[in-house]
Amino acid sequence: MPSELPAQLEQRIVELETRLAFQEQALVELNDALAASRIEAAENAEVLRRTLDALKQSRGEFYADPSEEPPPPHY
């Protein structure tokens, strides 16, 4: 039995090292995915900002300032 103990310990260490390697790889992949997600969110926010600016500008064209409008014909 004493000779089995070092072999069992070595097997456990190898298993733990393998698990650690997989966890490190998963962590790298998650970090990459999070970074890509943040970049995409920033790009989407910029597109939304530009769209809102364009909408505000086009709204201004449709709804002109009443002071600039000519008086109605009955005046």
PDB file of N, CA and C in Angstrom:
ATOM      1  N   MET A   1       0.803  -1.205   0.000  1.00  0.00           N
ATOM      2  CA  MET A   1       0.000   0.000   0.000  1.00  0.00           C
ATOM      3  C   MET A   1       0.848   1.272   0.000  1.00  0.00           C
ATOM      4  N   PRO A   2       1.943   1.309   0.716  1.00  0.00           N
ATOM      5  CA  PRO A   2       2.758   2.519   0.695  1.00  0.00           C
ATOM      6  C   PRO A   2       3.239   2.876  -0.709  1.00  0.00           C
ATOM      7  N   SER A   3       3.470   1.902  -1.587  1.00  0.00           N
ATOM      8  CA  SER A   3       3.929   2.214  -2.940  1.00  0.00           C
ATOM      9  C   SER A   3       2.794   2.802  -3.782  1.00  0.00           C
ATOM     10  N   GLU A   4       1.556   2.514  -3.416  1.00  0.00           N
ATOM     11  CA  GLU A   4       0.404   3.054  -4.145  1.00  0.00           C
ATOM     12  C   GLU A   4       0.188   4.527  -3.847  1.00  0.00           C
ATOM     13  N   LEU A   5       0.563   4.966  -2.672  1.00  0.00           N
ATOM     14  CA  LEU A   5       0.318   6.348  -2.258  1.00  0.00           C
ATOM     15  C   LEU A   5       1.009   7.354  -3.162  1.00  0.00           C
ATOM     16  N   PRO A   6       2.287   7.216  -3.488  1.00  0.00           N
ATOM     17  CA  PRO A   6       2.904   8.184  -4.398  1.00  0.00           C
ATOM     18  C   PRO A   6       2.270   8.152  -5.790  1.00  0.00           C
ATOM     19  N   ALA A   7       1.887   6.987  -6.268  1.00  0.00           N
ATOM     20  CA  ALA A   7       1.255   6.893  -7.586  1.00  0.00           C
ATOM     21  C   ALA A   7      -0.107   7.589  -7.564  1.00  0.00           C
ATOM     22  N   GLN A   8      -0.851   7.414  -6.470  1.00  0.00           N
ATOM     23  CA  GLN A   8      -2.155   8.079  -6.350  1.00  0.00           C
ATOM     24  C   GLN A   8      -1.979   9.595  -6.272  1.00  0.00           C
ATOM     25  N   LEU A   9      -0.979  10.023  -5.521  1.00  0.00           N
ATOM     26  CA  LEU A   9      -0.719  11.460  -5.411  1.00  0.00           C
ATOM     27  C   LEU A   9      -0.310  12.039  -6.766  1.00  0.00           C
ATOM     28  N   GLU A  10       0.527  11.320  -7.487  1.00  0.00           N
ATOM     29  CA  GLU A  10       0.960  11.796  -8.794  1.00  0.00           C
ATOM     30  C   GLU A  10      -0.240  11.874  -9.745  1.00  0.00           C
ATOM     31  N   GLN A  11      -1.108  10.874  -9.691  1.00  0.00           N
ATOM     32  CA  GLN A  11      -2.287  10.868 -10.543  1.00  0.00           C
ATOM     33  C   GLN A  11      -3.195  12.059 -10.200  1.00  0.00           C
ATOM     34  N   ARG A  12      -3.366  12.334  -8.917  1.00  0.00           N
ATOM     35  CA  ARG A  12      -4.190  13.470  -8.498  1.00  0.00           C
ATOM     36  C   ARG A  12      -3.578  14.792  -8.936  1.00  0.00           C
ATOM     37  N   ILE A  13      -2.265  14.904  -8.834  1.00  0.00           N
ATOM     38  CA  ILE A  13      -1.581  16.134  -9.245  1.00  0.00           C
ATOM     39  C   ILE A  13      -1.747  16.344 -10.752  1.00  0.00           C
ATOM     40  N   VAL A  14      -1.592  15.280 -11.534  1.00  0.00           N
ATOM     41  CA  VAL A  14      -1.757  15.377 -12.984  1.00  0.00           C
ATOM     42  C   VAL A  14      -3.187  15.798 -13.308  1.00  0.00           C
ATOM     43  N   GLU A  15      -4.158  15.204 -12.607  1.00  0.00           N
ATOM     44  CA  GLU A  15      -5.565  15.553 -12.834  1.00  0.00           C
ATOM     45  C   GLU A  15      -5.824  17.019 -12.479  1.00  0.00           C
ATOM     46  N   LEU A  16      -5.277  17.481 -11.369  1.00  0.00           N
ATOM     47  CA  LEU A  16      -5.447  18.884 -10.970  1.00  0.00           C
ATOM     48  C   LEU A  16      -4.778  19.831 -11.962  1.00  0.00           C
ATOM     49  N   GLU A  17      -3.593  19.479 -12.434  1.00  0.00           N
ATOM     50  CA  GLU A  17      -2.909  20.312 -13.425  1.00  0.00           C
ATOM     51  C   GLU A  17      -3.700  20.362 -14.727  1.00  0.00           C
ATOM     52  N   THR A  18      -4.297  19.248 -15.108  1.00  0.00           N
ATOM     53  CA  THR A  18      -5.113  19.209 -16.322  1.00  0.00           C
ATOM     54  C   THR A  18      -6.339  20.108 -16.158  1.00  0.00           C
ATOM     55  N   ARG A  19      -6.994  19.994 -15.027  1.00  0.00           N
ATOM     56  CA  ARG A  19      -8.160  20.846 -14.764  1.00  0.00           C
ATOM     57  C   ARG A  19      -7.775  22.317 -14.780  1.00  0.00           C
ATOM     58  N   LEU A  20      -6.638  22.636 -14.174  1.00  0.00           N
ATOM     59  CA  LEU A  20      -6.171  24.022 -14.141  1.00  0.00           C
ATOM     60  C   LEU A  20      -5.906  24.539 -15.552  1.00  0.00           C
ATOM     61  N   ALA A  21      -5.313  23.710 -16.392  1.00  0.00           N
ATOM     62  CA  ALA A  21      -5.032  24.126 -17.762  1.00  0.00           C
ATOM     63  C   ALA A  21      -6.336  24.417 -18.503  1.00  0.00           C
ATOM     64  N   PHE A  22      -7.343  23.561 -18.334  1.00  0.00           N
ATOM     65  CA  PHE A  22      -8.632  23.797 -18.981  1.00  0.00           C
ATOM     66  C   PHE A  22      -9.301  25.060 -18.441  1.00  0.00           C
ATOM     67  N   GLN A  23      -9.193  25.283 -17.147  1.00  0.00           N
ATOM     68  CA  GLN A  23      -9.791  26.485 -16.552  1.00  0.00           C
ATOM     69  C   GLN A  23      -9.079  27.743 -17.045  1.00  0.00           C
ATOM     70  N   GLU A  24      -7.766  27.686 -17.174  1.00  0.00           N
ATOM     71  CA  GLU A  24      -7.024  28.836 -17.692  1.00  0.00           C
ATOM     72  C   GLU A  24      -7.431  29.135 -19.131  1.00  0.00           C
ATOM     73  N   GLN A  25      -7.599  28.089 -19.945  1.00  0.00           N
ATOM     74  CA  GLN A  25      -8.021  28.271 -21.331  1.00  0.00           C
ATOM     75  C   GLN A  25      -9.430  28.855 -21.390  1.00  0.00           C
ATOM     76  N   ALA A  26     -10.317  28.343 -20.540  1.00  0.00           N
ATOM     77  CA  ALA A  26     -11.689  28.866 -20.497  1.00  0.00           C
ATOM     78  C   ALA A  26     -11.681  30.329 -20.074  1.00  0.00           C
ATOM     79  N   LEU A  27     -10.835  30.676 -19.136  1.00  0.00           N
ATOM     80  CA  LEU A  27     -10.741  32.056 -18.679  1.00  0.00           C
ATOM     81  C   LEU A  27     -10.252  32.980 -19.797  1.00  0.00           C
ATOM     82  N   VAL A  28      -9.290  32.537 -20.566  1.00  0.00           N
ATOM     83  CA  VAL A  28      -8.796  33.326 -21.702  1.00  0.00           C
ATOM     84  C   VAL A  28      -9.910  33.523 -22.723  1.00  0.00           C
ATOM     85  N   GLU A  29     -10.645  32.452 -23.027  1.00  0.00           N
ATOM     86  CA  GLU A  29     -11.743  32.544 -23.992  1.00  0.00           C
ATOM     87  C   GLU A  29     -12.844  33.474 -23.498  1.00  0.00           C
ATOM     88  N   LEU A  30     -13.180  33.383 -22.225  1.00  0.00           N
ATOM     89  CA  LEU A  30     -14.199  34.276 -21.660  1.00  0.00           C
ATOM     90  C   LEU A  30     -13.737  35.727 -21.686  1.00  0.00           C
ATOM     91  N   ASN A  31     -12.468  35.954 -21.387  1.00  0.00           N
ATOM     92  CA  ASN A  31     -11.923  37.305 -21.418  1.00  0.00           C
ATOM     93  C   ASN A  31     -11.980  37.879 -22.830  1.00  0.00           C
ATOM     94  N   ASP A  32     -11.632  37.058 -23.822  1.00  0.00           N
ATOM     95  CA  ASP A  32     -11.698  37.503 -25.218  1.00  0.00           C
ATOM     96  C   ASP A  32     -13.135  37.816 -25.624  1.00  0.00           C
ATOM     97  N   ALA A  33     -14.064  36.962 -25.207  1.00  0.00           N
ATOM     98  CA  ALA A  33     -15.472  37.178 -25.540  1.00  0.00           C
ATOM     99  C   ALA A  33     -15.999  38.447 -24.876  1.00  0.00           C
ATOM    100  N   LEU A  34     -15.588  38.693 -23.640  1.00  0.00           N
ATOM    101  CA  LEU A  34     -16.016  39.900 -22.939  1.00  0.00           C
ATOM    102  C   LEU A  34     -15.452  41.151 -23.609  1.00  0.00           C
ATOM    103  N   ALA A  35     -14.210  41.102 -24.005  1.00  0.00           N
ATOM    104  CA  ALA A  35     -13.601  42.247 -24.689  1.00  0.00           C
ATOM    105  C   ALA A  35     -14.316  42.521 -26.010  1.00  0.00           C
ATOM    106  N   ALA A  36     -14.616  41.476 -26.765  1.00  0.00           N
ATOM    107  CA  ALA A  36     -15.330  41.650 -28.034  1.00  0.00           C
ATOM    108  C   ALA A  36     -16.731  42.210 -27.786  1.00  0.00           C
ATOM    109  N   SER A  37     -17.366  41.745 -26.735  1.00  0.00           N
ATOM    110  CA  SER A  37     -18.704  42.233 -26.398  1.00  0.00           C
ATOM    111  C   SER A  37     -18.679  43.713 -26.025  1.00  0.00           C
ATOM    112  N   ARG A  38     -17.664  44.109 -25.291  1.00  0.00           N
ATOM    113  CA  ARG A  38     -17.546  45.527 -24.918  1.00  0.00           C
ATOM    114  C   ARG A  38     -17.302  46.403 -26.146  1.00  0.00           C
ATOM    115  N   ILE A  39     -16.479  45.927 -27.056  1.00  0.00           N
ATOM    116  CA  ILE A  39     -16.226  46.679 -28.294  1.00  0.00           C
ATOM    117  C   ILE A  39     -17.506  46.798 -29.100  1.00  0.00           C
ATOM    118  N   GLU A  40     -18.240  45.704 -29.211  1.00  0.00           N
ATOM    119  CA  GLU A  40     -19.506  45.722 -29.960  1.00  0.00           C
ATOM    120  C   GLU A  40     -20.515  46.659 -29.297  1.00  0.00           C
ATOM    121  N   ALA A  41     -20.585  46.653 -27.985  1.00  0.00           N
ATOM    122  CA  ALA A  41     -21.505  47.544 -27.273  1.00  0.00           C
ATOM    123  C   ALA A  41     -21.135  49.009 -27.508  1.00  0.00           C
ATOM    124  N   ALA A  42     -19.847  49.308 -27.513  1.00  0.00           N
ATOM    125  CA  ALA A  42     -19.406  50.685 -27.771  1.00  0.00           C
ATOM    126  C   ALA A  42     -19.751  51.100 -29.199  1.00  0.00           C
ATOM    127  N   GLU A  43     -19.557  50.185 -30.147  1.00  0.00           N
ATOM    128  CA  GLU A  43     -19.910  50.490 -31.536  1.00  0.00           C
ATOM    129  C   GLU A  43     -21.419  50.706 -31.673  1.00  0.00           C
ATOM    130  N   ASN A  44     -22.207  49.866 -31.011  1.00  0.00           N
ATOM    131  CA  ASN A  44     -23.664  50.015 -31.063  1.00  0.00           C
ATOM    132  C   ASN A  44     -24.110  51.334 -30.434  1.00  0.00           C
ATOM    133  N   ALA A  45     -23.455  51.728 -29.354  1.00  0.00           N
ATOM    134  CA  ALA A  45     -23.798  52.996 -28.706  1.00  0.00           C
ATOM    135  C   ALA A  45     -23.492  54.167 -29.641  1.00  0.00           C
ATOM    136  N   GLU A  46     -22.395  54.067 -30.372  1.00  0.00           N
ATOM    137  CA  GLU A  46     -22.035  55.131 -31.314  1.00  0.00           C
ATOM    138  C   GLU A  46     -23.044  55.194 -32.464  1.00  0.00           C
ATOM    139  N   VAL A  47     -23.452  54.041 -32.980  1.00  0.00           N
ATOM    140  CA  VAL A  47     -24.459  54.004 -34.046  1.00  0.00           C
ATOM    141  C   VAL A  47     -25.770  54.595 -33.543  1.00  0.00           C
ATOM    142  N   LEU A  48     -26.159  54.246 -32.340  1.00  0.00           N
ATOM    143  CA  LEU A  48     -27.387  54.776 -31.758  1.00  0.00           C
ATOM    144  C   LEU A  48     -27.302  56.290 -31.578  1.00  0.00           C
ATOM    145  N   ARG A  49     -26.144  56.782 -31.117  1.00  0.00           N
ATOM    146  CA  ARG A  49     -25.972  58.216 -30.937  1.00  0.00           C
ATOM    147  C   ARG A  49     -26.104  58.947 -32.270  1.00  0.00           C
ATOM    148  N   ARG A  50     -25.436  58.391 -33.309  1.00  0.00           N
ATOM    149  CA  ARG A  50     -25.524  59.026 -34.624  1.00  0.00           C
ATOM    150  C   ARG A  50     -26.950  58.986 -35.168  1.00  0.00           C
ATOM    151  N   THR A  51     -27.641  57.896 -34.949  1.00  0.00           N
ATOM    152  CA  THR A  51     -29.023  57.768 -35.416  1.00  0.00           C
ATOM    153  C   THR A  51     -29.926  58.771 -34.710  1.00  0.00           C
ATOM    154  N   LEU A  52     -29.745  58.924 -33.404  1.00  0.00           N
ATOM    155  CA  LEU A  52     -30.545  59.897 -32.662  1.00  0.00           C
ATOM    156  C   LEU A  52     -30.244  61.320 -33.118  1.00  0.00           C
ATOM    157  N   ASP A  53     -28.970  61.615 -33.374  1.00  0.00           N
ATOM    158  CA  ASP A  53     -28.615  62.940 -33.889  1.00  0.00           C
ATOM    159  C   ASP A  53     -29.266  63.197 -35.246  1.00  0.00           C
ATOM    160  N   ALA A  54     -29.235  62.192 -36.117  1.00  0.00           N
ATOM    161  CA  ALA A  54     -29.846  62.336 -37.431  1.00  0.00           C
ATOM    162  C   ALA A  54     -31.359  62.506 -37.307  1.00  0.00           C
ATOM    163  N   LEU A  55     -31.969  61.766 -36.384  1.00  0.00           N
ATOM    164  CA  LEU A  55     -33.408  61.883 -36.168  1.00  0.00           C
ATOM    165  C   LEU A  55     -33.765  63.272 -35.654  1.00  0.00           C
ATOM    166  N   LYS A  56     -32.981  63.775 -34.725  1.00  0.00           N
ATOM    167  CA  LYS A  56     -33.234  65.127 -34.209  1.00  0.00           C
ATOM    168  C   LYS A  56     -33.103  66.159 -35.324  1.00  0.00           C
ATOM    169  N   GLN A  57     -32.091  65.991 -36.167  1.00  0.00           N
ATOM    170  CA  GLN A  57     -31.877  66.937 -37.259  1.00  0.00           C
ATOM    171  C   GLN A  57     -33.032  66.857 -38.265  1.00  0.00           C
ATOM    172  N   SER A  58     -33.470  65.665 -38.594  1.00  0.00           N
ATOM    173  CA  SER A  58     -34.559  65.535 -39.561  1.00  0.00           C
ATOM    174  C   SER A  58     -35.877  66.012 -38.967  1.00  0.00           C
ATOM    175  N   ARG A  59     -36.075  65.833 -37.685  1.00  0.00           N
ATOM    176  CA  ARG A  59     -37.279  66.345 -37.025  1.00  0.00           C
ATOM    177  C   ARG A  59     -37.327  67.854 -37.118  1.00  0.00           C
ATOM    178  N   GLY A  60     -36.171  68.468 -36.981  1.00  0.00           N
ATOM    179  CA  GLY A  60     -36.099  69.922 -37.080  1.00  0.00           C
ATOM    180  C   GLY A  60     -36.513  70.399 -38.451  1.00  0.00           C
ATOM    181  N   GLU A  61     -36.240  69.606 -39.474  1.00  0.00           N
ATOM    182  CA  GLU A  61     -36.634  69.983 -40.828  1.00  0.00           C
ATOM    183  C   GLU A  61     -38.145  69.863 -41.013  1.00  0.00           C
ATOM    184  N   PHE A  62     -38.766  68.899 -40.375  1.00  0.00           N
ATOM    185  CA  PHE A  62     -40.208  68.701 -40.511  1.00  0.00           C
ATOM    186  C   PHE A  62     -41.004  69.685 -39.656  1.00  0.00           C
ATOM    187  N   TYR A  63     -40.483  69.991 -38.501  1.00  0.00           N
ATOM    188  CA  TYR A  63     -41.171  70.896 -37.576  1.00  0.00           C
ATOM    189  C   TYR A  63     -40.383  72.195 -37.502  1.00  0.00           C
ATOM    190  N   ALA A  64     -40.642  73.053 -38.412  1.00  0.00           N
ATOM    191  CA  ALA A  64     -39.908  74.321 -38.462  1.00  0.00           C
ATOM    192  C   ALA A  64     -40.346  75.219 -37.313  1.00  0.00           C
ATOM    193  N   ASP A  65     -39.518  76.164 -37.031  1.00  0.00           N
ATOM    194  CA  ASP A  65     -39.811  77.141 -35.987  1.00  0.00           C
ATOM    195  C   ASP A  65     -41.022  77.967 -36.432  1.00  0.00           C
ATOM    196  N   PRO A  66     -42.077  78.060 -35.611  1.00  0.00           N
ATOM    197  CA  PRO A  66     -43.282  78.806 -35.996  1.00  0.00           C
ATOM    198  C   PRO A  66     -43.004  80.271 -36.328  1.00  0.00           C
ATOM    199  N   SER A  67     -41.995  80.856 -35.733  1.00  0.00           N
ATOM    200  CA  SER A  67     -41.701  82.265 -36.017  1.00  0.00           C
ATOM    201  C   SER A  67     -41.182  82.446 -37.450  1.00  0.00           C
ATOM    202  N   GLU A  68     -40.658  81.397 -38.044  1.00  0.00           N
ATOM    203  CA  GLU A  68     -40.145  81.484 -39.407  1.00  0.00           C
ATOM    204  C   GLU A  68     -41.228  81.199 -40.446  1.00  0.00           C
ATOM    205  N   GLU A  69     -42.367  80.696 -40.024  1.00  0.00           N
ATOM    206  CA  GLU A  69     -43.456  80.375 -40.949  1.00  0.00           C
ATOM    207  C   GLU A  69     -44.171  81.655 -41.394  1.00  0.00           C
ATOM    208  N   PRO A  70     -44.614  81.707 -42.651  1.00  0.00           N
ATOM    209  CA  PRO A  70     -45.384  82.879 -43.088  1.00  0.00           C
ATOM    210  C   PRO A  70     -46.768  82.832 -42.424  1.00  0.00           C
ATOM    211  N   PRO A  71     -47.397  83.977 -42.267  1.00  0.00           N
ATOM    212  CA  PRO A  71     -48.710  83.980 -41.617  1.00  0.00           C
ATOM    213  C   PRO A  71     -49.734  83.261 -42.511  1.00  0.00           C
ATOM    214  N   PRO A  72     -50.761  82.699 -41.894  1.00  0.00           N
ATOM    215  CA  PRO A  72     -51.790  82.034 -42.663  1.00  0.00           C
ATOM    216  C   PRO A  72     -52.491  83.008 -43.609  1.00  0.00           C
ATOM    217  N   PRO A  73     -53.131  82.513 -44.675  1.00  0.00           N
ATOM    218  CA  PRO A  73     -53.720  83.403 -45.683  1.00  0.00           C
ATOM    219  C   PRO A  73     -54.834  84.293 -45.143  1.00  0.00           C
ATOM    220  N   HIS A  74     -55.498  83.960 -44.067  1.00  0.00           N
ATOM    221  CA  HIS A  74     -56.610  84.765 -43.580  1.00  0.00           C
ATOM    222  C   HIS A  74     -56.146  86.026 -42.837  1.00  0.00           C
ATOM    223  N   TYR A  75     -54.848  86.244 -42.714  1.00  0.00           N
ATOM    224  CA  TYR A  75     -54.361  87.465 -42.047  1.00  0.00           C
ATOM    225  C   TYR A  75     -54.167  88.559 -43.026  1.00  0.00           C
TER     226      TYR A  75
END
